[in-house]
Amino acid sequence: MLVEMQTPVDTGGRDVDIGALYDRTLAHIYGYILVRVGGDVATAEDLTQEVYLALARQLQTGHEPPAPLPWLYRVARHRVIDFYRRQERTSARFAAWTDEAANMAGPMTEIELIADREQVRAALAETPPIQRIALALRYLDGMTIAEIAEAIARSEHAVESLLARGRATLRSLLRDPEVKQ
């Protein structure tokens, strides 16, 4: 949920009403991002928060953007691009993992491996992104809980919870015959 910005920002002696700026620009920036993330409200809210956090950081350095709305649009565009880049890297990581798994020797026939690989890919695609990232870092990259916590800026307890929920989600999706392939 988006919240009002009422936190004062130290701008090196200049008085900038960040609350008023936020009120004037929020609908524009949020709408811009929402359209570009395919209507995903949670993602749009997260990225909008990141944009206004960047504004607060910019103001703290004492450099108020000369034209705040165009500056916010540029930051929003960059945040959306970064979001899709992260998604692309995650997808590439899963593709490499499933291709590697297919090359491993085992009792299954090639047809069974292909069917299983596609089912796992489909299940992973249905897993919420943050759970997918935690699962990839843990099981594909072999990172420890502490390393994952540092990488995604969460507590170790939160990472353990994400992994448990991710495994449960995958388990339920793999048991469900209606998983998209």
N, C-alpha and C. Protein backbone atom coordinates (compact mmCIF):
# COMPACT_ATOMS: atom_id res chain seq x y z
N MET A 1 0.84 -1.16 0.00
CA MET A 1 0.00 0.00 0.00
C MET A 1 0.89 1.23 0.00
N LEU A 2 0.53 2.24 -0.79
CA LEU A 2 1.28 3.48 -0.84
C LEU A 2 0.84 4.35 0.32
N VAL A 3 1.78 4.97 0.97
CA VAL A 3 1.47 5.81 2.13
C VAL A 3 1.90 7.23 1.85
N GLU A 4 1.33 8.16 2.61
CA GLU A 4 1.69 9.56 2.45
C GLU A 4 3.09 9.78 2.97
N MET A 5 3.83 10.65 2.31
CA MET A 5 5.18 10.99 2.76
C MET A 5 5.09 12.20 3.66
N GLN A 6 5.32 12.00 4.95
CA GLN A 6 5.31 13.11 5.88
C GLN A 6 6.63 13.24 6.61
N THR A 7 7.61 12.46 6.21
CA THR A 7 8.91 12.50 6.85
C THR A 7 9.65 13.74 6.39
N PRO A 8 10.15 14.55 7.34
CA PRO A 8 10.92 15.72 6.92
C PRO A 8 12.24 15.28 6.30
N VAL A 9 12.67 16.03 5.30
CA VAL A 9 13.92 15.70 4.62
C VAL A 9 14.87 16.87 4.81
N ASP A 10 16.08 16.57 5.31
CA ASP A 10 17.10 17.60 5.46
C ASP A 10 17.70 17.88 4.09
N THR A 11 17.49 19.08 3.58
CA THR A 11 17.96 19.41 2.24
C THR A 11 19.04 20.48 2.28
N GLY A 12 19.80 20.49 3.34
CA GLY A 12 20.91 21.44 3.42
C GLY A 12 20.46 22.87 3.58
N GLY A 13 19.41 23.10 4.36
CA GLY A 13 18.97 24.45 4.65
C GLY A 13 17.81 24.93 3.79
N ARG A 14 17.57 24.32 2.66
CA ARG A 14 16.45 24.73 1.80
C ARG A 14 15.19 24.04 2.26
N ASP A 15 14.08 24.72 2.12
CA ASP A 15 12.80 24.17 2.56
C ASP A 15 12.07 23.56 1.36
N VAL A 16 12.02 22.24 1.30
CA VAL A 16 11.34 21.54 0.22
C VAL A 16 10.16 20.80 0.84
N ASP A 17 8.98 21.06 0.35
CA ASP A 17 7.79 20.38 0.86
C ASP A 17 7.62 19.08 0.09
N ILE A 18 8.26 18.04 0.59
CA ILE A 18 8.23 16.75 -0.11
C ILE A 18 6.81 16.16 -0.11
N GLY A 19 6.04 16.47 0.93
CA GLY A 19 4.67 15.97 0.99
C GLY A 19 3.82 16.53 -0.13
N ALA A 20 3.96 17.82 -0.37
CA ALA A 20 3.20 18.46 -1.46
C ALA A 20 3.66 17.94 -2.81
N LEU A 21 4.98 17.78 -2.97
CA LEU A 21 5.52 17.24 -4.21
C LEU A 21 5.00 15.83 -4.45
N TYR A 22 4.99 15.04 -3.40
CA TYR A 22 4.47 13.67 -3.46
C TYR A 22 3.00 13.67 -3.87
N ASP A 23 2.20 14.53 -3.23
CA ASP A 23 0.77 14.59 -3.55
C ASP A 23 0.53 14.99 -5.00
N ARG A 24 1.35 15.92 -5.52
CA ARG A 24 1.17 16.39 -6.90
C ARG A 24 1.58 15.36 -7.94
N THR A 25 2.55 14.51 -7.60
CA THR A 25 3.13 13.64 -8.62
C THR A 25 2.77 12.16 -8.49
N LEU A 26 2.24 11.75 -7.36
CA LEU A 26 2.00 10.32 -7.12
C LEU A 26 1.14 9.66 -8.19
N ALA A 27 0.02 10.24 -8.52
CA ALA A 27 -0.87 9.62 -9.50
C ALA A 27 -0.17 9.42 -10.85
N HIS A 28 0.63 10.39 -11.24
CA HIS A 28 1.36 10.29 -12.52
C HIS A 28 2.36 9.14 -12.49
N ILE A 29 3.18 9.12 -11.46
CA ILE A 29 4.25 8.12 -11.38
C ILE A 29 3.69 6.73 -11.18
N TYR A 30 2.74 6.59 -10.27
CA TYR A 30 2.14 5.28 -10.01
C TYR A 30 1.45 4.74 -11.26
N GLY A 31 0.70 5.59 -11.95
CA GLY A 31 0.02 5.17 -13.19
C GLY A 31 1.01 4.77 -14.27
N TYR A 32 2.06 5.53 -14.40
CA TYR A 32 3.11 5.22 -15.38
C TYR A 32 3.68 3.83 -15.12
N ILE A 33 4.02 3.56 -13.86
CA ILE A 33 4.62 2.27 -13.51
C ILE A 33 3.60 1.14 -13.64
N LEU A 34 2.38 1.37 -13.17
CA LEU A 34 1.34 0.33 -13.20
C LEU A 34 1.10 -0.19 -14.62
N VAL A 35 1.05 0.70 -15.58
CA VAL A 35 0.84 0.30 -16.97
C VAL A 35 2.02 -0.54 -17.46
N ARG A 36 3.23 -0.16 -17.07
CA ARG A 36 4.42 -0.84 -17.57
C ARG A 36 4.72 -2.17 -16.91
N VAL A 37 4.07 -2.46 -15.77
CA VAL A 37 4.27 -3.77 -15.13
C VAL A 37 3.03 -4.63 -15.32
N GLY A 38 2.25 -4.32 -16.33
CA GLY A 38 1.11 -5.16 -16.70
C GLY A 38 -0.02 -5.18 -15.68
N GLY A 39 -0.18 -4.09 -14.93
CA GLY A 39 -1.28 -4.02 -13.98
C GLY A 39 -1.02 -4.72 -12.66
N ASP A 40 0.20 -5.16 -12.43
CA ASP A 40 0.56 -5.83 -11.17
C ASP A 40 0.66 -4.77 -10.07
N VAL A 41 -0.37 -4.67 -9.24
CA VAL A 41 -0.47 -3.60 -8.25
C VAL A 41 0.67 -3.66 -7.23
N ALA A 42 0.97 -4.85 -6.73
CA ALA A 42 2.03 -4.98 -5.71
C ALA A 42 3.37 -4.52 -6.26
N THR A 43 3.70 -4.93 -7.47
CA THR A 43 4.96 -4.52 -8.09
C THR A 43 4.97 -3.01 -8.33
N ALA A 44 3.86 -2.47 -8.82
CA ALA A 44 3.77 -1.03 -9.08
C ALA A 44 3.96 -0.25 -7.78
N GLU A 45 3.37 -0.72 -6.70
CA GLU A 45 3.52 -0.03 -5.42
C GLU A 45 4.97 -0.10 -4.94
N ASP A 46 5.59 -1.25 -5.07
CA ASP A 46 6.99 -1.39 -4.65
C ASP A 46 7.90 -0.46 -5.45
N LEU A 47 7.72 -0.44 -6.75
CA LEU A 47 8.58 0.38 -7.60
C LEU A 47 8.31 1.87 -7.37
N THR A 48 7.06 2.23 -7.11
CA THR A 48 6.73 3.63 -6.81
C THR A 48 7.41 4.06 -5.52
N GLN A 49 7.40 3.18 -4.53
CA GLN A 49 8.10 3.48 -3.29
C GLN A 49 9.58 3.71 -3.54
N GLU A 50 10.19 2.89 -4.37
CA GLU A 50 11.60 3.04 -4.70
C GLU A 50 11.88 4.39 -5.36
N VAL A 51 10.96 4.84 -6.21
CA VAL A 51 11.13 6.13 -6.89
C VAL A 51 11.13 7.26 -5.86
N TYR A 52 10.18 7.24 -4.94
CA TYR A 52 10.11 8.32 -3.96
C TYR A 52 11.23 8.23 -2.92
N LEU A 53 11.73 7.05 -2.68
CA LEU A 53 12.90 6.91 -1.83
C LEU A 53 14.11 7.55 -2.52
N ALA A 54 14.23 7.34 -3.82
CA ALA A 54 15.31 7.99 -4.58
C ALA A 54 15.18 9.51 -4.52
N LEU A 55 13.95 10.02 -4.56
CA LEU A 55 13.72 11.46 -4.45
C LEU A 55 14.19 11.96 -3.09
N ALA A 56 13.82 11.24 -2.04
CA ALA A 56 14.23 11.64 -0.69
C ALA A 56 15.75 11.66 -0.57
N ARG A 57 16.39 10.66 -1.14
CA ARG A 57 17.87 10.61 -1.11
C ARG A 57 18.46 11.78 -1.90
N GLN A 58 17.87 12.08 -3.02
CA GLN A 58 18.34 13.20 -3.84
C GLN A 58 18.21 14.51 -3.07
N LEU A 59 17.10 14.70 -2.40
CA LEU A 59 16.89 15.93 -1.64
C LEU A 59 17.84 16.02 -0.45
N GLN A 60 18.17 14.89 0.15
CA GLN A 60 19.09 14.88 1.28
C GLN A 60 20.49 15.33 0.87
N THR A 61 20.86 15.11 -0.38
CA THR A 61 22.17 15.55 -0.85
C THR A 61 22.18 17.04 -1.13
N GLY A 62 21.01 17.68 -1.06
CA GLY A 62 20.93 19.12 -1.31
C GLY A 62 20.75 19.47 -2.77
N HIS A 63 20.40 18.50 -3.58
CA HIS A 63 20.22 18.74 -5.01
C HIS A 63 18.77 18.47 -5.40
N GLU A 64 17.95 19.49 -5.28
CA GLU A 64 16.56 19.34 -5.69
C GLU A 64 16.50 19.32 -7.21
N PRO A 65 15.79 18.33 -7.78
CA PRO A 65 15.69 18.30 -9.25
C PRO A 65 15.02 19.58 -9.75
N PRO A 66 15.55 20.19 -10.81
CA PRO A 66 14.97 21.45 -11.32
C PRO A 66 13.54 21.24 -11.83
N ALA A 67 13.27 20.10 -12.39
CA ALA A 67 11.92 19.76 -12.87
C ALA A 67 11.57 18.41 -12.26
N PRO A 68 10.91 18.40 -11.09
CA PRO A 68 10.71 17.15 -10.35
C PRO A 68 9.93 16.07 -11.11
N LEU A 69 8.87 16.43 -11.82
CA LEU A 69 8.07 15.39 -12.48
C LEU A 69 8.86 14.67 -13.58
N PRO A 70 9.53 15.37 -14.48
CA PRO A 70 10.35 14.64 -15.47
C PRO A 70 11.45 13.81 -14.81
N TRP A 71 12.04 14.33 -13.74
CA TRP A 71 13.08 13.59 -13.02
C TRP A 71 12.48 12.31 -12.44
N LEU A 72 11.30 12.41 -11.85
CA LEU A 72 10.63 11.23 -11.28
C LEU A 72 10.29 10.21 -12.37
N TYR A 73 9.85 10.70 -13.53
CA TYR A 73 9.57 9.79 -14.64
C TYR A 73 10.82 9.03 -15.07
N ARG A 74 11.96 9.73 -15.14
CA ARG A 74 13.20 9.06 -15.51
C ARG A 74 13.58 7.99 -14.50
N VAL A 75 13.46 8.33 -13.22
CA VAL A 75 13.77 7.35 -12.17
C VAL A 75 12.80 6.17 -12.26
N ALA A 76 11.52 6.45 -12.49
CA ALA A 76 10.52 5.37 -12.61
C ALA A 76 10.85 4.47 -13.80
N ARG A 77 11.22 5.07 -14.91
CA ARG A 77 11.59 4.27 -16.09
C ARG A 77 12.76 3.35 -15.77
N HIS A 78 13.76 3.88 -15.09
CA HIS A 78 14.92 3.07 -14.72
C HIS A 78 14.55 1.96 -13.74
N ARG A 79 13.65 2.24 -12.82
CA ARG A 79 13.23 1.21 -11.85
C ARG A 79 12.49 0.08 -12.57
N VAL A 80 11.65 0.43 -13.53
CA VAL A 80 10.92 -0.59 -14.29
C VAL A 80 11.90 -1.44 -15.11
N ILE A 81 12.86 -0.78 -15.74
CA ILE A 81 13.87 -1.51 -16.51
C ILE A 81 14.64 -2.46 -15.61
N ASP A 82 15.06 -1.96 -14.45
CA ASP A 82 15.79 -2.81 -13.50
C ASP A 82 14.94 -3.99 -13.05
N PHE A 83 13.65 -3.76 -12.85
CA PHE A 83 12.74 -4.83 -12.44
C PHE A 83 12.72 -5.94 -13.50
N TYR A 84 12.59 -5.56 -14.77
CA TYR A 84 12.56 -6.57 -15.83
C TYR A 84 13.92 -7.25 -16.04
N ARG A 85 14.98 -6.51 -15.81
CA ARG A 85 16.30 -7.15 -15.88
C ARG A 85 16.45 -8.22 -14.80
N ARG A 86 15.97 -7.91 -13.59
CA ARG A 86 16.03 -8.91 -12.52
C ARG A 86 15.19 -10.13 -12.88
N GLN A 87 14.02 -9.91 -13.47
CA GLN A 87 13.16 -11.01 -13.89
C GLN A 87 13.86 -11.86 -14.95
N GLU A 88 14.54 -11.19 -15.89
CA GLU A 88 15.22 -11.89 -16.97
C GLU A 88 16.36 -12.74 -16.41
N ARG A 89 17.14 -12.19 -15.47
CA ARG A 89 18.24 -12.95 -14.88
C ARG A 89 17.71 -14.16 -14.14
N THR A 90 16.58 -14.00 -13.44
CA THR A 90 15.99 -15.12 -12.72
C THR A 90 15.54 -16.20 -13.70
N SER A 91 14.92 -15.79 -14.79
CA SER A 91 14.47 -16.76 -15.80
C SER A 91 15.66 -17.49 -16.41
N ALA A 92 16.74 -16.77 -16.70
CA ALA A 92 17.93 -17.40 -17.28
C ALA A 92 18.53 -18.39 -16.30
N ARG A 93 18.52 -18.05 -15.03
CA ARG A 93 19.07 -18.95 -14.01
C ARG A 93 18.28 -20.25 -13.97
N PHE A 94 16.95 -20.16 -14.04
CA PHE A 94 16.12 -21.37 -14.01
C PHE A 94 16.30 -22.19 -15.28
N ALA A 95 16.44 -21.52 -16.41
CA ALA A 95 16.63 -22.25 -17.66
C ALA A 95 17.93 -23.04 -17.63
N ALA A 96 18.99 -22.42 -17.12
CA ALA A 96 20.28 -23.12 -17.03
C ALA A 96 20.17 -24.31 -16.08
N TRP A 97 19.46 -24.14 -15.00
CA TRP A 97 19.32 -25.22 -14.02
C TRP A 97 18.57 -26.41 -14.62
N THR A 98 17.48 -26.14 -15.33
CA THR A 98 16.71 -27.24 -15.88
C THR A 98 17.45 -27.93 -17.03
N ASP A 99 18.23 -27.17 -17.79
CA ASP A 99 19.04 -27.79 -18.85
C ASP A 99 20.12 -28.68 -18.24
N GLU A 100 20.72 -28.23 -17.15
CA GLU A 100 21.74 -29.02 -16.47
C GLU A 100 21.12 -30.30 -15.89
N ALA A 101 19.94 -30.18 -15.33
CA ALA A 101 19.27 -31.35 -14.76
C ALA A 101 18.95 -32.38 -15.84
N ALA A 102 18.64 -31.92 -17.03
CA ALA A 102 18.32 -32.84 -18.12
C ALA A 102 19.54 -33.65 -18.54
N ASN A 103 20.73 -33.07 -18.37
CA ASN A 103 21.95 -33.76 -18.78
C ASN A 103 22.46 -34.75 -17.74
N MET A 104 21.88 -34.76 -16.57
CA MET A 104 22.32 -35.67 -15.52
C MET A 104 21.82 -37.09 -15.83
N ALA A 105 22.68 -38.05 -15.54
CA ALA A 105 22.31 -39.44 -15.79
C ALA A 105 21.32 -39.89 -14.72
N GLY A 106 20.40 -40.71 -15.11
CA GLY A 106 19.42 -41.23 -14.16
C GLY A 106 18.58 -42.31 -14.79
N PRO A 107 17.72 -42.93 -14.00
CA PRO A 107 16.91 -44.03 -14.49
C PRO A 107 15.77 -43.60 -15.41
N MET A 108 15.49 -42.31 -15.52
CA MET A 108 14.36 -41.86 -16.32
C MET A 108 14.71 -41.86 -17.81
N THR A 109 13.73 -42.05 -18.61
CA THR A 109 13.93 -41.94 -20.05
C THR A 109 13.97 -40.47 -20.43
N GLU A 110 14.44 -40.19 -21.64
CA GLU A 110 14.54 -38.80 -22.09
C GLU A 110 13.17 -38.13 -22.12
N ILE A 111 12.15 -38.84 -22.52
CA ILE A 111 10.79 -38.28 -22.58
C ILE A 111 10.30 -37.93 -21.19
N GLU A 112 10.56 -38.79 -20.20
CA GLU A 112 10.15 -38.48 -18.84
C GLU A 112 10.88 -37.26 -18.30
N LEU A 113 12.17 -37.13 -18.62
CA LEU A 113 12.94 -35.98 -18.19
C LEU A 113 12.37 -34.69 -18.77
N ILE A 114 12.03 -34.71 -20.04
CA ILE A 114 11.47 -33.53 -20.69
C ILE A 114 10.15 -33.15 -20.04
N ALA A 115 9.29 -34.11 -19.79
CA ALA A 115 8.00 -33.85 -19.16
C ALA A 115 8.19 -33.29 -17.76
N ASP A 116 9.10 -33.87 -16.97
CA ASP A 116 9.35 -33.39 -15.62
C ASP A 116 9.95 -31.99 -15.65
N ARG A 117 10.89 -31.75 -16.55
CA ARG A 117 11.53 -30.44 -16.64
C ARG A 117 10.50 -29.37 -16.97
N GLU A 118 9.62 -29.65 -17.90
CA GLU A 118 8.59 -28.68 -18.27
C GLU A 118 7.62 -28.44 -17.12
N GLN A 119 7.30 -29.49 -16.39
CA GLN A 119 6.40 -29.34 -15.24
C GLN A 119 7.06 -28.48 -14.16
N VAL A 120 8.34 -28.69 -13.91
CA VAL A 120 9.06 -27.88 -12.92
C VAL A 120 9.15 -26.43 -13.39
N ARG A 121 9.45 -26.21 -14.65
CA ARG A 121 9.50 -24.84 -15.19
C ARG A 121 8.16 -24.14 -15.02
N ALA A 122 7.09 -24.84 -15.34
CA ALA A 122 5.76 -24.26 -15.21
C ALA A 122 5.44 -23.95 -13.75
N ALA A 123 5.79 -24.85 -12.86
CA ALA A 123 5.54 -24.63 -11.43
C ALA A 123 6.36 -23.44 -10.93
N LEU A 124 7.62 -23.34 -11.34
CA LEU A 124 8.45 -22.21 -10.92
C LEU A 124 7.91 -20.89 -11.45
N ALA A 125 7.37 -20.92 -12.66
CA ALA A 125 6.81 -19.70 -13.24
C ALA A 125 5.60 -19.22 -12.45
N GLU A 126 4.90 -20.15 -11.81
CA GLU A 126 3.71 -19.80 -11.02
C GLU A 126 4.07 -19.40 -9.59
N THR A 127 5.29 -19.64 -9.17
CA THR A 127 5.73 -19.31 -7.82
C THR A 127 5.93 -17.81 -7.71
N PRO A 128 5.51 -17.19 -6.61
CA PRO A 128 5.73 -15.75 -6.45
C PRO A 128 7.20 -15.39 -6.61
N PRO A 129 7.50 -14.26 -7.26
CA PRO A 129 8.89 -13.90 -7.58
C PRO A 129 9.86 -13.92 -6.40
N ILE A 130 9.48 -13.41 -5.24
CA ILE A 130 10.41 -13.37 -4.12
C ILE A 130 10.73 -14.78 -3.63
N GLN A 131 9.74 -15.68 -3.67
CA GLN A 131 9.98 -17.07 -3.30
C GLN A 131 10.87 -17.74 -4.34
N ARG A 132 10.63 -17.42 -5.61
CA ARG A 132 11.42 -17.98 -6.70
C ARG A 132 12.89 -17.56 -6.56
N ILE A 133 13.11 -16.30 -6.23
CA ILE A 133 14.48 -15.81 -6.07
C ILE A 133 15.16 -16.53 -4.91
N ALA A 134 14.46 -16.65 -3.78
CA ALA A 134 15.04 -17.32 -2.61
C ALA A 134 15.37 -18.78 -2.94
N LEU A 135 14.46 -19.46 -3.63
CA LEU A 135 14.70 -20.85 -4.00
C LEU A 135 15.89 -20.97 -4.95
N ALA A 136 15.97 -20.06 -5.91
CA ALA A 136 17.08 -20.10 -6.87
C ALA A 136 18.42 -19.86 -6.19
N LEU A 137 18.45 -18.88 -5.32
CA LEU A 137 19.71 -18.59 -4.64
C LEU A 137 20.14 -19.75 -3.74
N ARG A 138 19.19 -20.40 -3.11
CA ARG A 138 19.52 -21.48 -2.19
C ARG A 138 19.87 -22.77 -2.94
N TYR A 139 19.00 -23.20 -3.84
CA TYR A 139 19.16 -24.52 -4.45
C TYR A 139 19.89 -24.53 -5.78
N LEU A 140 19.89 -23.43 -6.47
CA LEU A 140 20.60 -23.39 -7.75
C LEU A 140 21.99 -22.80 -7.61
N ASP A 141 22.09 -21.75 -6.78
CA ASP A 141 23.39 -21.10 -6.60
C ASP A 141 24.12 -21.62 -5.37
N GLY A 142 23.45 -22.38 -4.53
CA GLY A 142 24.09 -22.96 -3.35
C GLY A 142 24.45 -21.97 -2.27
N MET A 143 23.76 -20.84 -2.22
CA MET A 143 24.06 -19.83 -1.22
C MET A 143 23.52 -20.24 0.15
N THR A 144 24.15 -19.77 1.20
CA THR A 144 23.67 -20.05 2.56
C THR A 144 22.53 -19.09 2.88
N ILE A 145 21.82 -19.39 3.97
CA ILE A 145 20.72 -18.53 4.40
C ILE A 145 21.24 -17.11 4.65
N ALA A 146 22.38 -16.99 5.32
CA ALA A 146 22.95 -15.68 5.62
C ALA A 146 23.30 -14.92 4.33
N GLU A 147 23.86 -15.61 3.35
CA GLU A 147 24.20 -14.96 2.08
C GLU A 147 22.95 -14.49 1.34
N ILE A 148 21.92 -15.31 1.37
CA ILE A 148 20.66 -14.93 0.72
C ILE A 148 20.08 -13.72 1.42
N ALA A 149 20.08 -13.73 2.75
CA ALA A 149 19.53 -12.61 3.52
C ALA A 149 20.23 -11.31 3.14
N GLU A 150 21.53 -11.37 2.99
CA GLU A 150 22.28 -10.17 2.62
C GLU A 150 21.96 -9.76 1.18
N ALA A 151 21.84 -10.74 0.29
CA ALA A 151 21.60 -10.44 -1.13
C ALA A 151 20.24 -9.81 -1.38
N ILE A 152 19.22 -10.25 -0.64
CA ILE A 152 17.87 -9.72 -0.90
C ILE A 152 17.41 -8.76 0.19
N ALA A 153 18.33 -8.39 1.08
CA ALA A 153 18.05 -7.41 2.14
C ALA A 153 16.87 -7.81 3.02
N ARG A 154 16.91 -9.03 3.47
CA ARG A 154 15.91 -9.55 4.41
C ARG A 154 16.64 -10.20 5.57
N SER A 155 15.93 -10.45 6.66
CA SER A 155 16.54 -11.14 7.79
C SER A 155 16.67 -12.63 7.47
N GLU A 156 17.54 -13.30 8.20
CA GLU A 156 17.71 -14.74 7.98
C GLU A 156 16.40 -15.47 8.26
N HIS A 157 15.68 -15.03 9.28
CA HIS A 157 14.40 -15.66 9.61
C HIS A 157 13.41 -15.49 8.45
N ALA A 158 13.40 -14.30 7.84
CA ALA A 158 12.51 -14.05 6.70
C ALA A 158 12.89 -14.94 5.51
N VAL A 159 14.18 -15.14 5.30
CA VAL A 159 14.64 -16.00 4.20
C VAL A 159 14.20 -17.44 4.45
N GLU A 160 14.34 -17.91 5.68
CA GLU A 160 13.90 -19.28 6.00
C GLU A 160 12.40 -19.42 5.74
N SER A 161 11.65 -18.38 6.10
CA SER A 161 10.20 -18.40 5.86
C SER A 161 9.90 -18.41 4.36
N LEU A 162 10.61 -17.58 3.59
CA LEU A 162 10.42 -17.55 2.13
C LEU A 162 10.72 -18.92 1.51
N LEU A 163 11.79 -19.55 1.98
CA LEU A 163 12.14 -20.86 1.44
C LEU A 163 11.08 -21.90 1.78
N ALA A 164 10.59 -21.87 3.01
CA ALA A 164 9.55 -22.83 3.41
C ALA A 164 8.28 -22.61 2.60
N ARG A 165 7.88 -21.34 2.44
CA ARG A 165 6.68 -21.06 1.63
C ARG A 165 6.92 -21.41 0.17
N GLY A 166 8.11 -21.15 -0.34
CA GLY A 166 8.42 -21.48 -1.73
C GLY A 166 8.37 -22.97 -1.99
N ARG A 167 8.95 -23.76 -1.05
CA ARG A 167 8.89 -25.22 -1.21
C ARG A 167 7.45 -25.71 -1.14
N ALA A 168 6.66 -25.15 -0.24
CA ALA A 168 5.26 -25.56 -0.14
C ALA A 168 4.49 -25.20 -1.41
N THR A 169 4.77 -24.01 -1.94
CA THR A 169 4.11 -23.59 -3.18
C THR A 169 4.48 -24.52 -4.33
N LEU A 170 5.76 -24.81 -4.47
CA LEU A 170 6.21 -25.71 -5.53
C LEU A 170 5.58 -27.10 -5.37
N ARG A 171 5.59 -27.59 -4.15
CA ARG A 171 5.02 -28.92 -3.87
C ARG A 171 3.56 -28.97 -4.31
N SER A 172 2.79 -27.94 -3.93
CA SER A 172 1.36 -27.95 -4.29
C SER A 172 1.16 -27.80 -5.79
N LEU A 173 1.99 -26.98 -6.44
CA LEU A 173 1.87 -26.80 -7.89
C LEU A 173 2.26 -28.06 -8.65
N LEU A 174 3.26 -28.77 -8.16
CA LEU A 174 3.70 -29.99 -8.84
C LEU A 174 2.71 -31.14 -8.64
N ARG A 175 1.96 -31.09 -7.56
CA ARG A 175 0.93 -32.11 -7.33
C ARG A 175 -0.33 -31.84 -8.14
N ASP A 176 -0.54 -30.58 -8.50
CA ASP A 176 -1.73 -30.17 -9.22
C ASP A 176 -1.57 -30.49 -10.70
N PRO A 177 -2.40 -31.34 -11.27
CA PRO A 177 -2.27 -31.70 -12.69
C PRO A 177 -2.60 -30.54 -13.63
N GLU A 178 -3.17 -29.47 -13.09
CA GLU A 178 -3.58 -28.33 -13.93
C GLU A 178 -2.47 -27.30 -14.08
N VAL A 179 -1.25 -27.58 -13.63
CA VAL A 179 -0.14 -26.64 -13.78
C VAL A 179 0.09 -26.42 -15.26
N LYS A 180 0.19 -25.13 -15.66
CA LYS A 180 0.39 -24.78 -17.07
C LYS A 180 1.71 -25.29 -17.57
N GLN A 181 1.73 -25.77 -18.80
CA GLN A 181 2.99 -26.25 -19.38
C GLN A 181 3.30 -25.54 -20.64
